[in-house]
């Protein structure tokens, strides 16, 4: 969550970052982050965002019947 109260979701569709590399990247970025949380990654990670006129889909390689829904 950033300092303005916005929820930022960051998903990497491949093994682009280790946890330490991602932490370093976020700490050195210009994003005004206040809190960060890491959820399980890997082949089961996917993302679907329906933001009105903007939609983003990153398909998981391994399908699991688990979802986190944010409204």
PDB file of N, CA and C in Angstrom:
ATOM      1  N   UNK A   1       0.860  -1.164   0.000  1.00  0.00           N
ATOM      2  CA  UNK A   1       0.000   0.000   0.000  1.00  0.00           C
ATOM      3  C   UNK A   1       0.911   1.232   0.000  1.00  0.00           C
ATOM      4  N   UNK A   2       0.513   2.215  -0.784  1.00  0.00           N
ATOM      5  CA  UNK A   2       1.356   3.399  -0.802  1.00  0.00           C
ATOM      6  C   UNK A   2       0.872   4.412   0.230  1.00  0.00           C
ATOM      7  N   UNK A   3       1.602   5.495   0.346  1.00  0.00           N
ATOM      8  CA  UNK A   3       1.314   6.498   1.371  1.00  0.00           C
ATOM      9  C   UNK A   3       0.029   7.266   1.106  1.00  0.00           C
ATOM     10  N   UNK A   4      -0.536   7.106  -0.093  1.00  0.00           N
ATOM     11  CA  UNK A   4      -1.806   7.748  -0.422  1.00  0.00           C
ATOM     12  C   UNK A   4      -2.983   6.789  -0.241  1.00  0.00           C
ATOM     13  N   UNK A   5      -2.711   5.574   0.289  1.00  0.00           N
ATOM     14  CA  UNK A   5      -3.756   4.603   0.548  1.00  0.00           C
ATOM     15  C   UNK A   5      -4.142   3.741  -0.632  1.00  0.00           C
ATOM     16  N   UNK A   6      -3.384   3.801  -1.704  1.00  0.00           N
ATOM     17  CA  UNK A   6      -3.683   2.990  -2.885  1.00  0.00           C
ATOM     18  C   UNK A   6      -3.058   1.607  -2.742  1.00  0.00           C
ATOM     19  N   UNK A   7      -3.779   0.596  -3.199  1.00  0.00           N
ATOM     20  CA  UNK A   7      -3.287  -0.772  -3.187  1.00  0.00           C
ATOM     21  C   UNK A   7      -2.606  -1.045  -4.513  1.00  0.00           C
ATOM     22  N   UNK A   8      -1.352  -1.422  -4.468  1.00  0.00           N
ATOM     23  CA  UNK A   8      -0.592  -1.728  -5.674  1.00  0.00           C
ATOM     24  C   UNK A   8      -0.371  -3.229  -5.728  1.00  0.00           C
ATOM     25  N   UNK A   9      -0.717  -3.859  -6.849  1.00  0.00           N
ATOM     26  CA  UNK A   9      -0.495  -5.279  -7.035  1.00  0.00           C
ATOM     27  C   UNK A   9       0.603  -5.457  -8.066  1.00  0.00           C
ATOM     28  N   UNK A  10       1.637  -6.184  -7.695  1.00  0.00           N
ATOM     29  CA  UNK A  10       2.755  -6.420  -8.597  1.00  0.00           C
ATOM     30  C   UNK A  10       2.872  -7.919  -8.788  1.00  0.00           C
ATOM     31  N   UNK A  11       2.783  -8.366 -10.030  1.00  0.00           N
ATOM     32  CA  UNK A  11       2.868  -9.784 -10.354  1.00  0.00           C
ATOM     33  C   UNK A  11       3.931  -9.965 -11.422  1.00  0.00           C
ATOM     34  N   UNK A  12       4.791 -10.926 -11.208  1.00  0.00           N
ATOM     35  CA  UNK A  12       5.782 -11.279 -12.218  1.00  0.00           C
ATOM     36  C   UNK A  12       5.377 -12.617 -12.828  1.00  0.00           C
ATOM     37  N   UNK A  13       5.146 -12.652 -14.131  1.00  0.00           N
ATOM     38  CA  UNK A  13       4.671 -13.884 -14.759  1.00  0.00           C
ATOM     39  C   UNK A  13       5.756 -14.941 -14.955  1.00  0.00           C
ATOM     40  N   UNK A  14       6.955 -14.667 -14.510  1.00  0.00           N
ATOM     41  CA  UNK A  14       8.038 -15.648 -14.652  1.00  0.00           C
ATOM     42  C   UNK A  14       8.954 -15.514 -13.443  1.00  0.00           C
ATOM     43  N   UNK A  15      10.031 -16.232 -13.465  1.00  0.00           N
ATOM     44  CA  UNK A  15      10.993 -16.173 -12.364  1.00  0.00           C
ATOM     45  C   UNK A  15      11.917 -14.974 -12.543  1.00  0.00           C
ATOM     46  N   UNK A  16      11.328 -13.795 -12.647  1.00  0.00           N
ATOM     47  CA  UNK A  16      12.099 -12.587 -12.925  1.00  0.00           C
ATOM     48  C   UNK A  16      12.854 -12.073 -11.708  1.00  0.00           C
ATOM     49  N   UNK A  17      12.330 -12.324 -10.501  1.00  0.00           N
ATOM     50  CA  UNK A  17      12.919 -11.766  -9.298  1.00  0.00           C
ATOM     51  C   UNK A  17      12.993 -12.815  -8.199  1.00  0.00           C
ATOM     52  N   UNK A  18      14.066 -12.754  -7.425  1.00  0.00           N
ATOM     53  CA  UNK A  18      14.052 -13.454  -6.143  1.00  0.00           C
ATOM     54  C   UNK A  18      13.356 -12.516  -5.158  1.00  0.00           C
ATOM     55  N   UNK A  19      12.992 -13.007  -4.003  1.00  0.00           N
ATOM     56  CA  UNK A  19      12.344 -12.161  -3.001  1.00  0.00           C
ATOM     57  C   UNK A  19      13.260 -11.012  -2.590  1.00  0.00           C
ATOM     58  N   UNK A  20      14.549 -11.291  -2.403  1.00  0.00           N
ATOM     59  CA  UNK A  20      15.503 -10.232  -2.050  1.00  0.00           C
ATOM     60  C   UNK A  20      15.639  -9.199  -3.164  1.00  0.00           C
ATOM     61  N   UNK A  21      15.663  -9.650  -4.408  1.00  0.00           N
ATOM     62  CA  UNK A  21      15.780  -8.720  -5.536  1.00  0.00           C
ATOM     63  C   UNK A  21      14.547  -7.820  -5.628  1.00  0.00           C
ATOM     64  N   UNK A  22      13.361  -8.409  -5.423  1.00  0.00           N
ATOM     65  CA  UNK A  22      12.141  -7.609  -5.473  1.00  0.00           C
ATOM     66  C   UNK A  22      12.115  -6.595  -4.338  1.00  0.00           C
ATOM     67  N   UNK A  23      12.524  -7.002  -3.135  1.00  0.00           N
ATOM     68  CA  UNK A  23      12.575  -6.069  -1.998  1.00  0.00           C
ATOM     69  C   UNK A  23      13.520  -4.913  -2.295  1.00  0.00           C
ATOM     70  N   UNK A  24      14.688  -5.209  -2.853  1.00  0.00           N
ATOM     71  CA  UNK A  24      15.640  -4.152  -3.209  1.00  0.00           C
ATOM     72  C   UNK A  24      15.071  -3.236  -4.280  1.00  0.00           C
ATOM     73  N   UNK A  25      14.406  -3.822  -5.277  1.00  0.00           N
ATOM     74  CA  UNK A  25      13.824  -3.035  -6.361  1.00  0.00           C
ATOM     75  C   UNK A  25      12.759  -2.079  -5.821  1.00  0.00           C
ATOM     76  N   UNK A  26      11.885  -2.574  -4.947  1.00  0.00           N
ATOM     77  CA  UNK A  26      10.834  -1.723  -4.394  1.00  0.00           C
ATOM     78  C   UNK A  26      11.404  -0.648  -3.478  1.00  0.00           C
ATOM     79  N   UNK A  27      12.399  -1.010  -2.675  1.00  0.00           N
ATOM     80  CA  UNK A  27      13.006  -0.036  -1.755  1.00  0.00           C
ATOM     81  C   UNK A  27      13.701   1.087  -2.516  1.00  0.00           C
ATOM     82  N   UNK A  28      14.268   0.782  -3.670  1.00  0.00           N
ATOM     83  CA  UNK A  28      14.996   1.799  -4.430  1.00  0.00           C
ATOM     84  C   UNK A  28      14.121   2.511  -5.465  1.00  0.00           C
ATOM     85  N   UNK A  29      12.847   2.107  -5.578  1.00  0.00           N
ATOM     86  CA  UNK A  29      11.964   2.729  -6.573  1.00  0.00           C
ATOM     87  C   UNK A  29      11.457   4.076  -6.071  1.00  0.00           C
ATOM     88  N   UNK A  30      10.801   4.809  -6.953  1.00  0.00           N
ATOM     89  CA  UNK A  30      10.209   6.078  -6.558  1.00  0.00           C
ATOM     90  C   UNK A  30       8.751   5.910  -6.122  1.00  0.00           C
ATOM     91  N   UNK A  31       8.302   4.649  -5.957  1.00  0.00           N
ATOM     92  CA  UNK A  31       6.951   4.412  -5.464  1.00  0.00           C
ATOM     93  C   UNK A  31       6.881   4.799  -3.992  1.00  0.00           C
ATOM     94  N   UNK A  32       5.853   5.548  -3.591  1.00  0.00           N
ATOM     95  CA  UNK A  32       5.743   5.973  -2.181  1.00  0.00           C
ATOM     96  C   UNK A  32       5.150   4.857  -1.313  1.00  0.00           C
ATOM     97  N   UNK A  33       5.851   3.737  -1.230  1.00  0.00           N
ATOM     98  CA  UNK A  33       5.330   2.570  -0.519  1.00  0.00           C
ATOM     99  C   UNK A  33       5.435   2.735   0.992  1.00  0.00           C
ATOM    100  N   UNK A  34       4.420   2.266   1.676  1.00  0.00           N
ATOM    101  CA  UNK A  34       4.416   2.280   3.129  1.00  0.00           C
ATOM    102  C   UNK A  34       4.469   0.863   3.685  1.00  0.00           C
ATOM    103  N   UNK A  35       3.756  -0.070   3.043  1.00  0.00           N
ATOM    104  CA  UNK A  35       3.672  -1.455   3.491  1.00  0.00           C
ATOM    105  C   UNK A  35       3.747  -2.366   2.278  1.00  0.00           C
ATOM    106  N   UNK A  36       4.438  -3.491   2.433  1.00  0.00           N
ATOM    107  CA  UNK A  36       4.503  -4.480   1.355  1.00  0.00           C
ATOM    108  C   UNK A  36       4.273  -5.861   1.939  1.00  0.00           C
ATOM    109  N   UNK A  37       3.668  -6.738   1.130  1.00  0.00           N
ATOM    110  CA  UNK A  37       3.404  -8.102   1.542  1.00  0.00           C
ATOM    111  C   UNK A  37       3.718  -9.023   0.374  1.00  0.00           C
ATOM    112  N   UNK A  38       4.392 -10.109   0.661  1.00  0.00           N
ATOM    113  CA  UNK A  38       4.693 -11.092  -0.373  1.00  0.00           C
ATOM    114  C   UNK A  38       3.752 -12.270  -0.216  1.00  0.00           C
ATOM    115  N   UNK A  39       3.085 -12.639  -1.296  1.00  0.00           N
ATOM    116  CA  UNK A  39       2.261 -13.845  -1.318  1.00  0.00           C
ATOM    117  C   UNK A  39       3.003 -14.904  -2.119  1.00  0.00           C
ATOM    118  N   UNK A  40       2.567 -16.131  -1.983  1.00  0.00           N
ATOM    119  CA  UNK A  40       3.226 -17.235  -2.679  1.00  0.00           C
ATOM    120  C   UNK A  40       3.294 -16.960  -4.171  1.00  0.00           C
ATOM    121  N   UNK A  41       4.435 -17.202  -4.726  1.00  0.00           N
ATOM    122  CA  UNK A  41       4.605 -17.017  -6.159  1.00  0.00           C
ATOM    123  C   UNK A  41       4.743 -18.349  -6.846  1.00  0.00           C
ATOM    124  N   UNK A  42       5.324 -18.338  -7.996  1.00  0.00           N
ATOM    125  CA  UNK A  42       5.544 -19.575  -8.715  1.00  0.00           C
ATOM    126  C   UNK A  42       4.560 -19.756  -9.853  1.00  0.00           C
ATOM    127  N   UNK A  43       4.519 -20.986 -10.341  1.00  0.00           N
ATOM    128  CA  UNK A  43       3.728 -21.290 -11.533  1.00  0.00           C
ATOM    129  C   UNK A  43       2.230 -21.128 -11.318  1.00  0.00           C
ATOM    130  N   UNK A  44       1.775 -21.128 -10.066  1.00  0.00           N
ATOM    131  CA  UNK A  44       0.337 -20.979  -9.795  1.00  0.00           C
ATOM    132  C   UNK A  44      -0.101 -19.525  -9.673  1.00  0.00           C
ATOM    133  N   UNK A  45       0.817 -18.589  -9.842  1.00  0.00           N
ATOM    134  CA  UNK A  45       0.489 -17.174  -9.698  1.00  0.00           C
ATOM    135  C   UNK A  45      -0.118 -16.619 -10.984  1.00  0.00           C
ATOM    136  N   UNK A  46      -1.254 -15.970 -10.853  1.00  0.00           N
ATOM    137  CA  UNK A  46      -1.905 -15.314 -11.974  1.00  0.00           C
ATOM    138  C   UNK A  46      -2.527 -14.021 -11.489  1.00  0.00           C
ATOM    139  N   UNK A  47      -3.022 -13.218 -12.402  1.00  0.00           N
ATOM    140  CA  UNK A  47      -3.640 -11.942 -12.032  1.00  0.00           C
ATOM    141  C   UNK A  47      -4.724 -11.612 -13.040  1.00  0.00           C
ATOM    142  N   UNK A  48      -5.866 -11.173 -12.542  1.00  0.00           N
ATOM    143  CA  UNK A  48      -6.915 -10.625 -13.392  1.00  0.00           C
ATOM    144  C   UNK A  48      -7.405  -9.349 -12.734  1.00  0.00           C
ATOM    145  N   UNK A  49      -7.345  -8.253 -13.454  1.00  0.00           N
ATOM    146  CA  UNK A  49      -7.809  -6.957 -12.951  1.00  0.00           C
ATOM    147  C   UNK A  49      -8.805  -6.397 -13.949  1.00  0.00           C
ATOM    148  N   UNK A  50      -9.983  -6.024 -13.440  1.00  0.00           N
ATOM    149  CA  UNK A  50     -10.987  -5.353 -14.250  1.00  0.00           C
ATOM    150  C   UNK A  50     -11.182  -3.971 -13.649  1.00  0.00           C
ATOM    151  N   UNK A  51     -10.474  -3.009 -14.197  1.00  0.00           N
ATOM    152  CA  UNK A  51     -10.524  -1.646 -13.689  1.00  0.00           C
ATOM    153  C   UNK A  51     -11.372  -0.747 -14.558  1.00  0.00           C
ATOM    154  N   UNK A  52     -12.562  -1.211 -14.903  1.00  0.00           N
ATOM    155  CA  UNK A  52     -13.429  -0.398 -15.756  1.00  0.00           C
ATOM    156  C   UNK A  52     -12.971  -0.469 -17.193  1.00  0.00           C
ATOM    157  N   UNK A  53     -12.328   0.585 -17.666  1.00  0.00           N
ATOM    158  CA  UNK A  53     -11.874   0.607 -19.059  1.00  0.00           C
ATOM    159  C   UNK A  53     -10.497  -0.027 -19.233  1.00  0.00           C
ATOM    160  N   UNK A  54      -9.905  -0.515 -18.155  1.00  0.00           N
ATOM    161  CA  UNK A  54      -8.576  -1.133 -18.237  1.00  0.00           C
ATOM    162  C   UNK A  54      -8.641  -2.527 -17.630  1.00  0.00           C
ATOM    163  N   UNK A  55      -8.237  -3.535 -18.412  1.00  0.00           N
ATOM    164  CA  UNK A  55      -8.233  -4.917 -17.937  1.00  0.00           C
ATOM    165  C   UNK A  55      -6.846  -5.506 -18.131  1.00  0.00           C
ATOM    166  N   UNK A  56      -6.417  -6.287 -17.142  1.00  0.00           N
ATOM    167  CA  UNK A  56      -5.101  -6.934 -17.195  1.00  0.00           C
ATOM    168  C   UNK A  56      -5.298  -8.396 -16.839  1.00  0.00           C
ATOM    169  N   UNK A  57      -4.698  -9.287 -17.610  1.00  0.00           N
ATOM    170  CA  UNK A  57      -4.754 -10.711 -17.319  1.00  0.00           C
ATOM    171  C   UNK A  57      -3.359 -11.307 -17.456  1.00  0.00           C
ATOM    172  N   UNK A  58      -2.928 -12.001 -16.413  1.00  0.00           N
ATOM    173  CA  UNK A  58      -1.711 -12.809 -16.467  1.00  0.00           C
ATOM    174  C   UNK A  58      -2.136 -14.212 -16.053  1.00  0.00           C
ATOM    175  N   UNK A  59      -2.109 -15.145 -16.977  1.00  0.00           N
ATOM    176  CA  UNK A  59      -2.561 -16.503 -16.698  1.00  0.00           C
ATOM    177  C   UNK A  59      -1.525 -17.278 -15.899  1.00  0.00           C
ATOM    178  N   UNK A  60      -2.014 -18.076 -14.944  1.00  0.00           N
ATOM    179  CA  UNK A  60      -1.156 -18.977 -14.182  1.00  0.00           C
ATOM    180  C   UNK A  60      -0.796 -20.170 -15.059  1.00  0.00           C
ATOM    181  N   UNK A  61       0.402 -20.710 -14.876  1.00  0.00           N
ATOM    182  CA  UNK A  61       0.807 -21.900 -15.614  1.00  0.00           C
ATOM    183  C   UNK A  61       0.203 -23.155 -15.002  1.00  0.00           C
ATOM    184  N   UNK A  62       0.036 -23.148 -13.674  1.00  0.00           N
ATOM    185  CA  UNK A  62      -0.575 -24.252 -12.947  1.00  0.00           C
ATOM    186  C   UNK A  62      -1.846 -23.729 -12.304  1.00  0.00           C
ATOM    187  N   UNK A  63      -2.980 -24.326 -12.651  1.00  0.00           N
ATOM    188  CA  UNK A  63      -4.248 -23.838 -12.150  1.00  0.00           C
ATOM    189  C   UNK A  63      -4.540 -24.400 -10.768  1.00  0.00           C
ATOM    190  N   UNK A  64      -4.873 -23.522  -9.838  1.00  0.00           N
ATOM    191  CA  UNK A  64      -5.288 -23.899  -8.495  1.00  0.00           C
ATOM    192  C   UNK A  64      -6.584 -23.163  -8.175  1.00  0.00           C
ATOM    193  N   UNK A  65      -7.508 -23.806  -7.453  1.00  0.00           N
ATOM    194  CA  UNK A  65      -8.803 -23.164  -7.167  1.00  0.00           C
ATOM    195  C   UNK A  65      -8.733 -22.232  -5.944  1.00  0.00           C
ATOM    196  N   UNK A  66      -7.782 -21.327  -5.948  1.00  0.00           N
ATOM    197  CA  UNK A  66      -7.603 -20.381  -4.845  1.00  0.00           C
ATOM    198  C   UNK A  66      -7.600 -18.976  -5.441  1.00  0.00           C
ATOM    199  N   UNK A  67      -8.342 -18.075  -4.821  1.00  0.00           N
ATOM    200  CA  UNK A  67      -8.392 -16.701  -5.336  1.00  0.00           C
ATOM    201  C   UNK A  67      -8.443 -15.715  -4.194  1.00  0.00           C
ATOM    202  N   UNK A  68      -7.850 -14.552  -4.412  1.00  0.00           N
ATOM    203  CA  UNK A  68      -7.981 -13.416  -3.509  1.00  0.00           C
ATOM    204  C   UNK A  68      -8.746 -12.364  -4.297  1.00  0.00           C
ATOM    205  N   UNK A  69      -9.876 -11.943  -3.760  1.00  0.00           N
ATOM    206  CA  UNK A  69     -10.729 -10.978  -4.453  1.00  0.00           C
ATOM    207  C   UNK A  69     -10.703  -9.658  -3.677  1.00  0.00           C
ATOM    208  N   UNK A  70     -10.435  -8.581  -4.393  1.00  0.00           N
ATOM    209  CA  UNK A  70     -10.383  -7.242  -3.795  1.00  0.00           C
ATOM    210  C   UNK A  70     -11.391  -6.383  -4.517  1.00  0.00           C
ATOM    211  N   UNK A  71     -12.330  -5.810  -3.763  1.00  0.00           N
ATOM    212  CA  UNK A  71     -13.333  -4.924  -4.381  1.00  0.00           C
ATOM    213  C   UNK A  71     -13.118  -3.517  -3.911  1.00  0.00           C
TER     214      UNK A  71
END
